[in-house]
Amino acid sequence: MRLLSRLLACATLAPILVWLGTLGLTLILAGPMGCRIDEGSSHPCIILGHDLGDTAYSLGMISAWGLFFLAPLSFTAGLLWGLTTMLRRLRRPRG
């Protein structure tokens, strides 16, 4: 039961952390690195001699729309996590 609780905790927090990571990378690429990122198309983004335009575009799309897909997953896992925690505490012997 403890392993299930830990797995559900990871399933609750991981999608939010992934989204925050993509948001942070997008802001770094768009801000200090000077890349143009929008939802319309990929634009050249040269960093250290490598074109990261497609990567920046993908990060921007996940940053903009990823929460719509990741939030229900995270919410459902959190609900199951709370339910298993509640059941584990109710089954604990008293006294």
PDB file of N, CA and C in Angstrom:
ATOM      1  N   MET A   1       0.831  -1.196   0.000  1.00  0.00           N
ATOM      2  CA  MET A   1       0.000   0.000   0.000  1.00  0.00           C
ATOM      3  C   MET A   1       0.873   1.256   0.000  1.00  0.00           C
ATOM      4  N   ARG A   2       2.014   1.188   0.703  1.00  0.00           N
ATOM      5  CA  ARG A   2       2.914   2.338   0.754  1.00  0.00           C
ATOM      6  C   ARG A   2       3.532   2.602  -0.615  1.00  0.00           C
ATOM      7  N   LEU A   3       3.870   1.531  -1.346  1.00  0.00           N
ATOM      8  CA  LEU A   3       4.428   1.683  -2.685  1.00  0.00           C
ATOM      9  C   LEU A   3       3.406   2.334  -3.617  1.00  0.00           C
ATOM     10  N   LEU A   4       2.154   1.910  -3.517  1.00  0.00           N
ATOM     11  CA  LEU A   4       1.093   2.502  -4.333  1.00  0.00           C
ATOM     12  C   LEU A   4       0.944   3.988  -4.024  1.00  0.00           C
ATOM     13  N   SER A   5       1.023   4.332  -2.764  1.00  0.00           N
ATOM     14  CA  SER A   5       0.909   5.731  -2.370  1.00  0.00           C
ATOM     15  C   SER A   5       2.060   6.554  -2.954  1.00  0.00           C
ATOM     16  N   ARG A   6       3.255   6.001  -2.932  1.00  0.00           N
ATOM     17  CA  ARG A   6       4.404   6.722  -3.497  1.00  0.00           C
ATOM     18  C   ARG A   6       4.292   6.860  -5.009  1.00  0.00           C
ATOM     19  N   LEU A   7       3.826   5.815  -5.670  1.00  0.00           N
ATOM     20  CA  LEU A   7       3.637   5.891  -7.124  1.00  0.00           C
ATOM     21  C   LEU A   7       2.590   6.937  -7.491  1.00  0.00           C
ATOM     22  N   LEU A   8       1.504   6.972  -6.731  1.00  0.00           N
ATOM     23  CA  LEU A   8       0.465   7.964  -7.009  1.00  0.00           C
ATOM     24  C   LEU A   8       0.947   9.381  -6.692  1.00  0.00           C
ATOM     25  N   ALA A   9       1.794   9.522  -5.695  1.00  0.00           N
ATOM     26  CA  ALA A   9       2.367  10.838  -5.397  1.00  0.00           C
ATOM     27  C   ALA A   9       3.231  11.305  -6.568  1.00  0.00           C
ATOM     28  N   CYS A  10       4.027  10.401  -7.114  1.00  0.00           N
ATOM     29  CA  CYS A  10       4.852  10.748  -8.286  1.00  0.00           C
ATOM     30  C   CYS A  10       3.970  11.068  -9.492  1.00  0.00           C
ATOM     31  N   ALA A  11       2.904  10.283  -9.689  1.00  0.00           N
ATOM     32  CA  ALA A  11       2.005  10.519 -10.817  1.00  0.00           C
ATOM     33  C   ALA A  11       1.242  11.835 -10.659  1.00  0.00           C
ATOM     34  N   THR A  12       1.083  12.299  -9.433  1.00  0.00           N
ATOM     35  CA  THR A  12       0.418  13.576  -9.185  1.00  0.00           C
ATOM     36  C   THR A  12       1.351  14.738  -9.454  1.00  0.00           C
ATOM     37  N   LEU A  13       2.581  14.629  -8.982  1.00  0.00           N
ATOM     38  CA  LEU A  13       3.495  15.760  -9.052  1.00  0.00           C
ATOM     39  C   LEU A  13       4.297  15.830 -10.350  1.00  0.00           C
ATOM     40  N   ALA A  14       4.600  14.696 -10.955  1.00  0.00           N
ATOM     41  CA  ALA A  14       5.450  14.678 -12.149  1.00  0.00           C
ATOM     42  C   ALA A  14       4.880  15.487 -13.320  1.00  0.00           C
ATOM     43  N   PRO A  15       3.596  15.347 -13.669  1.00  0.00           N
ATOM     44  CA  PRO A  15       3.092  16.149 -14.798  1.00  0.00           C
ATOM     45  C   PRO A  15       3.201  17.652 -14.565  1.00  0.00           C
ATOM     46  N   ILE A  16       2.971  18.092 -13.346  1.00  0.00           N
ATOM     47  CA  ILE A  16       3.073  19.518 -13.041  1.00  0.00           C
ATOM     48  C   ILE A  16       4.525  19.971 -13.137  1.00  0.00           C
ATOM     49  N   LEU A  17       5.455  19.135 -12.649  1.00  0.00           N
ATOM     50  CA  LEU A  17       6.873  19.485 -12.738  1.00  0.00           C
ATOM     51  C   LEU A  17       7.354  19.511 -14.185  1.00  0.00           C
ATOM     52  N   VAL A  18       6.868  18.590 -15.004  1.00  0.00           N
ATOM     53  CA  VAL A  18       7.216  18.589 -16.428  1.00  0.00           C
ATOM     54  C   VAL A  18       6.720  19.871 -17.076  1.00  0.00           C
ATOM     55  N   TRP A  19       5.492  20.244 -16.793  1.00  0.00           N
ATOM     56  CA  TRP A  19       4.942  21.469 -17.379  1.00  0.00           C
ATOM     57  C   TRP A  19       5.727  22.702 -16.914  1.00  0.00           C
ATOM     58  N   LEU A  20       6.052  22.768 -15.627  1.00  0.00           N
ATOM     59  CA  LEU A  20       6.830  23.906 -15.126  1.00  0.00           C
ATOM     60  C   LEU A  20       8.221  23.947 -15.756  1.00  0.00           C
ATOM     61  N   GLY A  21       8.814  22.776 -15.984  1.00  0.00           N
ATOM     62  CA  GLY A  21      10.115  22.721 -16.646  1.00  0.00           C
ATOM     63  C   GLY A  21      10.062  23.245 -18.067  1.00  0.00           C
ATOM     64  N   THR A  22       9.043  22.831 -18.819  1.00  0.00           N
ATOM     65  CA  THR A  22       8.915  23.317 -20.200  1.00  0.00           C
ATOM     66  C   THR A  22       8.615  24.814 -20.216  1.00  0.00           C
ATOM     67  N   LEU A  23       7.827  25.268 -19.271  1.00  0.00           N
ATOM     68  CA  LEU A  23       7.534  26.699 -19.183  1.00  0.00           C
ATOM     69  C   LEU A  23       8.810  27.488 -18.897  1.00  0.00           C
ATOM     70  N   GLY A  24       9.613  27.006 -17.965  1.00  0.00           N
ATOM     71  CA  GLY A  24      10.867  27.681 -17.642  1.00  0.00           C
ATOM     72  C   GLY A  24      11.826  27.705 -18.823  1.00  0.00           C
ATOM     73  N   LEU A  25      11.977  26.578 -19.508  1.00  0.00           N
ATOM     74  CA  LEU A  25      12.862  26.537 -20.678  1.00  0.00           C
ATOM     75  C   LEU A  25      12.371  27.456 -21.788  1.00  0.00           C
ATOM     76  N   THR A  26      11.063  27.505 -21.982  1.00  0.00           N
ATOM     77  CA  THR A  26      10.502  28.388 -22.997  1.00  0.00           C
ATOM     78  C   THR A  26      10.791  29.848 -22.662  1.00  0.00           C
ATOM     79  N   LEU A  27      10.626  30.199 -21.397  1.00  0.00           N
ATOM     80  CA  LEU A  27      10.899  31.583 -20.989  1.00  0.00           C
ATOM     81  C   LEU A  27      12.375  31.927 -21.131  1.00  0.00           C
ATOM     82  N   ILE A  28      13.253  30.967 -20.859  1.00  0.00           N
ATOM     83  CA  ILE A  28      14.693  31.219 -21.028  1.00  0.00           C
ATOM     84  C   ILE A  28      15.035  31.384 -22.504  1.00  0.00           C
ATOM     85  N   LEU A  29      14.498  30.504 -23.348  1.00  0.00           N
ATOM     86  CA  LEU A  29      14.777  30.615 -24.784  1.00  0.00           C
ATOM     87  C   LEU A  29      14.210  31.897 -25.372  1.00  0.00           C
ATOM     88  N   ALA A  30      13.017  32.274 -24.934  1.00  0.00           N
ATOM     89  CA  ALA A  30      12.381  33.471 -25.495  1.00  0.00           C
ATOM     90  C   ALA A  30      12.961  34.754 -24.914  1.00  0.00           C
ATOM     91  N   GLY A  31      13.418  34.719 -23.671  1.00  0.00           N
ATOM     92  CA  GLY A  31      13.919  35.926 -23.023  1.00  0.00           C
ATOM     93  C   GLY A  31      15.387  36.163 -23.295  1.00  0.00           C
ATOM     94  N   PRO A  32      16.254  35.651 -22.420  1.00  0.00           N
ATOM     95  CA  PRO A  32      17.695  35.930 -22.553  1.00  0.00           C
ATOM     96  C   PRO A  32      18.319  35.414 -23.849  1.00  0.00           C
ATOM     97  N   MET A  33      17.815  34.322 -24.391  1.00  0.00           N
ATOM     98  CA  MET A  33      18.397  33.767 -25.613  1.00  0.00           C
ATOM     99  C   MET A  33      17.882  34.459 -26.870  1.00  0.00           C
ATOM    100  N   GLY A  34      16.776  35.171 -26.756  1.00  0.00           N
ATOM    101  CA  GLY A  34      16.269  35.972 -27.868  1.00  0.00           C
ATOM    102  C   GLY A  34      15.584  35.202 -28.986  1.00  0.00           C
ATOM    103  N   CYS A  35      15.134  33.988 -28.709  1.00  0.00           N
ATOM    104  CA  CYS A  35      14.441  33.209 -29.739  1.00  0.00           C
ATOM    105  C   CYS A  35      12.993  33.667 -29.865  1.00  0.00           C
ATOM    106  N   ARG A  36      12.481  33.622 -31.066  1.00  0.00           N
ATOM    107  CA  ARG A  36      11.077  33.958 -31.299  1.00  0.00           C
ATOM    108  C   ARG A  36      10.278  32.670 -31.215  1.00  0.00           C
ATOM    109  N   ILE A  37       9.329  32.621 -30.293  1.00  0.00           N
ATOM    110  CA  ILE A  37       8.520  31.424 -30.084  1.00  0.00           C
ATOM    111  C   ILE A  37       7.055  31.823 -30.147  1.00  0.00           C
ATOM    112  N   ASP A  38       6.323  31.205 -31.048  1.00  0.00           N
ATOM    113  CA  ASP A  38       4.882  31.394 -31.107  1.00  0.00           C
ATOM    114  C   ASP A  38       4.235  30.086 -31.542  1.00  0.00           C
ATOM    115  N   GLU A  39       2.911  30.076 -31.528  1.00  0.00           N
ATOM    116  CA  GLU A  39       2.177  28.859 -31.850  1.00  0.00           C
ATOM    117  C   GLU A  39       1.958  28.674 -33.347  1.00  0.00           C
ATOM    118  N   GLY A  40       2.312  29.664 -34.127  1.00  0.00           N
ATOM    119  CA  GLY A  40       2.067  29.610 -35.557  1.00  0.00           C
ATOM    120  C   GLY A  40       3.009  28.698 -36.310  1.00  0.00           C
ATOM    121  N   SER A  41       4.311  28.843 -36.032  1.00  0.00           N
ATOM    122  CA  SER A  41       5.297  28.043 -36.758  1.00  0.00           C
ATOM    123  C   SER A  41       6.620  28.076 -36.018  1.00  0.00           C
ATOM    124  N   SER A  42       7.533  27.257 -36.490  1.00  0.00           N
ATOM    125  CA  SER A  42       8.877  27.194 -35.939  1.00  0.00           C
ATOM    126  C   SER A  42       9.735  28.291 -36.573  1.00  0.00           C
ATOM    127  N   HIS A  43      10.562  28.943 -35.754  1.00  0.00           N
ATOM    128  CA  HIS A  43      11.458  29.986 -36.233  1.00  0.00           C
ATOM    129  C   HIS A  43      12.889  29.598 -35.881  1.00  0.00           C
ATOM    130  N   PRO A  44      13.860  30.028 -36.674  1.00  0.00           N
ATOM    131  CA  PRO A  44      15.257  29.704 -36.356  1.00  0.00           C
ATOM    132  C   PRO A  44      15.646  30.237 -34.977  1.00  0.00           C
ATOM    133  N   CYS A  45      16.347  29.407 -34.230  1.00  0.00           N
ATOM    134  CA  CYS A  45      16.810  29.764 -32.887  1.00  0.00           C
ATOM    135  C   CYS A  45      18.210  29.176 -32.742  1.00  0.00           C
ATOM    136  N   ILE A  46      19.199  29.966 -33.081  1.00  0.00           N
ATOM    137  CA  ILE A  46      20.575  29.487 -33.090  1.00  0.00           C
ATOM    138  C   ILE A  46      21.213  29.718 -31.722  1.00  0.00           C
ATOM    139  N   ILE A  47      21.613  28.628 -31.072  1.00  0.00           N
ATOM    140  CA  ILE A  47      22.288  28.686 -29.783  1.00  0.00           C
ATOM    141  C   ILE A  47      23.513  27.786 -29.859  1.00  0.00           C
ATOM    142  N   LEU A  48      24.676  28.379 -29.648  1.00  0.00           N
ATOM    143  CA  LEU A  48      25.957  27.659 -29.719  1.00  0.00           C
ATOM    144  C   LEU A  48      26.121  26.919 -31.043  1.00  0.00           C
ATOM    145  N   GLY A  49      25.660  27.529 -32.101  1.00  0.00           N
ATOM    146  CA  GLY A  49      25.818  26.959 -33.434  1.00  0.00           C
ATOM    147  C   GLY A  49      24.798  25.899 -33.803  1.00  0.00           C
ATOM    148  N   HIS A  50      23.820  25.656 -32.961  1.00  0.00           N
ATOM    149  CA  HIS A  50      22.790  24.653 -33.245  1.00  0.00           C
ATOM    150  C   HIS A  50      21.429  25.331 -33.365  1.00  0.00           C
ATOM    151  N   ASP A  51      20.669  24.905 -34.344  1.00  0.00           N
ATOM    152  CA  ASP A  51      19.328  25.453 -34.521  1.00  0.00           C
ATOM    153  C   ASP A  51      18.362  24.692 -33.626  1.00  0.00           C
ATOM    154  N   LEU A  52      17.836  25.365 -32.626  1.00  0.00           N
ATOM    155  CA  LEU A  52      16.878  24.776 -31.695  1.00  0.00           C
ATOM    156  C   LEU A  52      15.458  25.274 -31.954  1.00  0.00           C
ATOM    157  N   GLY A  53      15.183  25.708 -33.165  1.00  0.00           N
ATOM    158  CA  GLY A  53      13.880  26.269 -33.493  1.00  0.00           C
ATOM    159  C   GLY A  53      12.738  25.284 -33.309  1.00  0.00           C
ATOM    160  N   ASP A  54      12.911  24.050 -33.789  1.00  0.00           N
ATOM    161  CA  ASP A  54      11.849  23.054 -33.637  1.00  0.00           C
ATOM    162  C   ASP A  54      11.651  22.670 -32.175  1.00  0.00           C
ATOM    163  N   THR A  55      12.759  22.567 -31.440  1.00  0.00           N
ATOM    164  CA  THR A  55      12.669  22.260 -30.011  1.00  0.00           C
ATOM    165  C   THR A  55      11.971  23.387 -29.269  1.00  0.00           C
ATOM    166  N   ALA A  56      12.326  24.626 -29.587  1.00  0.00           N
ATOM    167  CA  ALA A  56      11.690  25.780 -28.945  1.00  0.00           C
ATOM    168  C   ALA A  56      10.196  25.823 -29.265  1.00  0.00           C
ATOM    169  N   TYR A  57       9.847  25.493 -30.496  1.00  0.00           N
ATOM    170  CA  TYR A  57       8.434  25.455 -30.883  1.00  0.00           C
ATOM    171  C   TYR A  57       7.691  24.395 -30.072  1.00  0.00           C
ATOM    172  N   SER A  58       8.277  23.204 -29.959  1.00  0.00           N
ATOM    173  CA  SER A  58       7.637  22.124 -29.193  1.00  0.00           C
ATOM    174  C   SER A  58       7.500  22.497 -27.718  1.00  0.00           C
ATOM    175  N   LEU A  59       8.544  23.083 -27.146  1.00  0.00           N
ATOM    176  CA  LEU A  59       8.470  23.523 -25.752  1.00  0.00           C
ATOM    177  C   LEU A  59       7.388  24.582 -25.567  1.00  0.00           C
ATOM    178  N   GLY A  60       7.275  25.488 -26.523  1.00  0.00           N
ATOM    179  CA  GLY A  60       6.246  26.516 -26.446  1.00  0.00           C
ATOM    180  C   GLY A  60       4.842  25.939 -26.512  1.00  0.00           C
ATOM    181  N   MET A  61       4.667  24.937 -27.365  1.00  0.00           N
ATOM    182  CA  MET A  61       3.344  24.310 -27.464  1.00  0.00           C
ATOM    183  C   MET A  61       2.988  23.563 -26.171  1.00  0.00           C
ATOM    184  N   ILE A  62       3.959  22.856 -25.604  1.00  0.00           N
ATOM    185  CA  ILE A  62       3.703  22.151 -24.342  1.00  0.00           C
ATOM    186  C   ILE A  62       3.441  23.156 -23.226  1.00  0.00           C
ATOM    187  N   SER A  63       4.186  24.267 -23.230  1.00  0.00           N
ATOM    188  CA  SER A  63       3.982  25.294 -22.210  1.00  0.00           C
ATOM    189  C   SER A  63       2.595  25.916 -22.315  1.00  0.00           C
ATOM    190  N   ALA A  64       2.159  26.151 -23.545  1.00  0.00           N
ATOM    191  CA  ALA A  64       0.867  26.814 -23.746  1.00  0.00           C
ATOM    192  C   ALA A  64      -0.308  25.864 -23.539  1.00  0.00           C
ATOM    193  N   TRP A  65      -0.218  24.658 -24.081  1.00  0.00           N
ATOM    194  CA  TRP A  65      -1.362  23.752 -24.096  1.00  0.00           C
ATOM    195  C   TRP A  65      -1.203  22.523 -23.215  1.00  0.00           C
ATOM    196  N   GLY A  66      -0.006  22.283 -22.719  1.00  0.00           N
ATOM    197  CA  GLY A  66       0.250  21.065 -21.962  1.00  0.00           C
ATOM    198  C   GLY A  66      -0.555  20.940 -20.693  1.00  0.00           C
ATOM    199  N   LEU A  67      -0.837  22.058 -20.054  1.00  0.00           N
ATOM    200  CA  LEU A  67      -1.584  22.004 -18.802  1.00  0.00           C
ATOM    201  C   LEU A  67      -3.003  21.482 -19.009  1.00  0.00           C
ATOM    202  N   PHE A  68      -3.569  21.706 -20.189  1.00  0.00           N
ATOM    203  CA  PHE A  68      -4.911  21.193 -20.474  1.00  0.00           C
ATOM    204  C   PHE A  68      -4.931  19.666 -20.499  1.00  0.00           C
ATOM    205  N   PHE A  69      -3.801  19.064 -20.846  1.00  0.00           N
ATOM    206  CA  PHE A  69      -3.720  17.604 -20.889  1.00  0.00           C
ATOM    207  C   PHE A  69      -3.139  17.036 -19.603  1.00  0.00           C
ATOM    208  N   LEU A  70      -2.206  17.749 -18.994  1.00  0.00           N
ATOM    209  CA  LEU A  70      -1.535  17.232 -17.809  1.00  0.00           C
ATOM    210  C   LEU A  70      -2.329  17.447 -16.524  1.00  0.00           C
ATOM    211  N   ALA A  71      -3.110  18.500 -16.444  1.00  0.00           N
ATOM    212  CA  ALA A  71      -3.866  18.783 -15.225  1.00  0.00           C
ATOM    213  C   ALA A  71      -4.895  17.695 -14.906  1.00  0.00           C
ATOM    214  N   PRO A  72      -5.676  17.199 -15.866  1.00  0.00           N
ATOM    215  CA  PRO A  72      -6.609  16.119 -15.521  1.00  0.00           C
ATOM    216  C   PRO A  72      -5.889  14.848 -15.063  1.00  0.00           C
ATOM    217  N   LEU A  73      -4.764  14.548 -15.676  1.00  0.00           N
ATOM    218  CA  LEU A  73      -3.980  13.387 -15.258  1.00  0.00           C
ATOM    219  C   LEU A  73      -3.485  13.567 -13.829  1.00  0.00           C
ATOM    220  N   SER A  74      -2.943  14.733 -13.542  1.00  0.00           N
ATOM    221  CA  SER A  74      -2.433  15.025 -12.212  1.00  0.00           C
ATOM    222  C   SER A  74      -3.565  15.047 -11.181  1.00  0.00           C
ATOM    223  N   PHE A  75      -4.692  15.624 -11.540  1.00  0.00           N
ATOM    224  CA  PHE A  75      -5.835  15.692 -10.626  1.00  0.00           C
ATOM    225  C   PHE A  75      -6.361  14.293 -10.304  1.00  0.00           C
ATOM    226  N   THR A  76      -6.476  13.441 -11.310  1.00  0.00           N
ATOM    227  CA  THR A  76      -6.966  12.081 -11.090  1.00  0.00           C
ATOM    228  C   THR A  76      -6.011  11.293 -10.206  1.00  0.00           C
ATOM    229  N   ALA A  77      -4.727  11.400 -10.479  1.00  0.00           N
ATOM    230  CA  ALA A  77      -3.741  10.702  -9.649  1.00  0.00           C
ATOM    231  C   ALA A  77      -3.765  11.238  -8.219  1.00  0.00           C
ATOM    232  N   GLY A  78      -3.936  12.549  -8.065  1.00  0.00           N
ATOM    233  CA  GLY A  78      -4.029  13.134  -6.732  1.00  0.00           C
ATOM    234  C   GLY A  78      -5.256  12.671  -5.978  1.00  0.00           C
ATOM    235  N   LEU A  79      -6.352  12.535  -6.692  1.00  0.00           N
ATOM    236  CA  LEU A  79      -7.576  12.028  -6.079  1.00  0.00           C
ATOM    237  C   LEU A  79      -7.392  10.588  -5.599  1.00  0.00           C
ATOM    238  N   LEU A  80      -6.783   9.761  -6.435  1.00  0.00           N
ATOM    239  CA  LEU A  80      -6.499   8.376  -6.043  1.00  0.00           C
ATOM    240  C   LEU A  80      -5.493   8.317  -4.900  1.00  0.00           C
ATOM    241  N   TRP A  81      -4.516   9.209  -4.917  1.00  0.00           N
ATOM    242  CA  TRP A  81      -3.523   9.268  -3.846  1.00  0.00           C
ATOM    243  C   TRP A  81      -4.209   9.605  -2.515  1.00  0.00           C
ATOM    244  N   GLY A  82      -5.084  10.600  -2.528  1.00  0.00           N
ATOM    245  CA  GLY A  82      -5.815  10.957  -1.318  1.00  0.00           C
ATOM    246  C   GLY A  82      -6.705   9.838  -0.834  1.00  0.00           C
ATOM    247  N   LEU A  83      -7.343   9.144  -1.768  1.00  0.00           N
ATOM    248  CA  LEU A  83      -8.221   8.024  -1.401  1.00  0.00           C
ATOM    249  C   LEU A  83      -7.429   6.890  -0.774  1.00  0.00           C
ATOM    250  N   THR A  84      -6.301   6.528  -1.361  1.00  0.00           N
ATOM    251  CA  THR A  84      -5.497   5.444  -0.779  1.00  0.00           C
ATOM    252  C   THR A  84      -4.923   5.845   0.572  1.00  0.00           C
ATOM    253  N   THR A  85      -4.542   7.103   0.743  1.00  0.00           N
ATOM    254  CA  THR A  85      -4.049   7.568   2.037  1.00  0.00           C
ATOM    255  C   THR A  85      -5.140   7.504   3.085  1.00  0.00           C
ATOM    256  N   MET A  86      -6.346   7.897   2.709  1.00  0.00           N
ATOM    257  CA  MET A  86      -7.466   7.846   3.633  1.00  0.00           C
ATOM    258  C   MET A  86      -7.789   6.402   4.027  1.00  0.00           C
ATOM    259  N   LEU A  87      -7.803   5.506   3.044  1.00  0.00           N
ATOM    260  CA  LEU A  87      -8.088   4.098   3.339  1.00  0.00           C
ATOM    261  C   LEU A  87      -7.007   3.484   4.218  1.00  0.00           C
ATOM    262  N   ARG A  88      -5.761   3.848   3.969  1.00  0.00           N
ATOM    263  CA  ARG A  88      -4.669   3.317   4.793  1.00  0.00           C
ATOM    264  C   ARG A  88      -4.790   3.788   6.240  1.00  0.00           C
ATOM    265  N   ARG A  89      -5.193   5.022   6.436  1.00  0.00           N
ATOM    266  CA  ARG A  89      -5.357   5.533   7.801  1.00  0.00           C
ATOM    267  C   ARG A  89      -6.576   4.938   8.487  1.00  0.00           C
ATOM    268  N   LEU A  90      -7.618   4.660   7.722  1.00  0.00           N
ATOM    269  CA  LEU A  90      -8.793   4.030   8.329  1.00  0.00           C
ATOM    270  C   LEU A  90      -8.531   2.580   8.710  1.00  0.00           C
ATOM    271  N   ARG A  91      -7.665   1.901   7.983  1.00  0.00           N
ATOM    272  CA  ARG A  91      -7.354   0.505   8.283  1.00  0.00           C
ATOM    273  C   ARG A  91      -6.319   0.355   9.379  1.00  0.00           C
ATOM    274  N   ARG A  92      -5.658   1.452   9.766  1.00  0.00           N
ATOM    275  CA  ARG A  92      -4.640   1.399  10.804  1.00  0.00           C
ATOM    276  C   ARG A  92      -5.276   1.031  12.137  1.00  0.00           C
ATOM    277  N   PRO A  93      -4.672   0.104  12.881  1.00  0.00           N
ATOM    278  CA  PRO A  93      -5.232  -0.261  14.190  1.00  0.00           C
ATOM    279  C   PRO A  93      -5.165   0.916  15.160  1.00  0.00           C
ATOM    280  N   ARG A  94      -6.194   1.018  15.955  1.00  0.00           N
ATOM    281  CA  ARG A  94      -6.278   2.113  16.915  1.00  0.00           C
ATOM    282  C   ARG A  94      -5.886   1.619  18.297  1.00  0.00           C
ATOM    283  N   GLY A  95      -5.309   2.526  19.036  1.00  0.00           N
ATOM    284  CA  GLY A  95      -5.005   2.158  20.395  1.00  0.00           C
ATOM    285  C   GLY A  95      -3.609   2.235  20.793  1.00  0.00           C
TER     286      GLY A  95
END
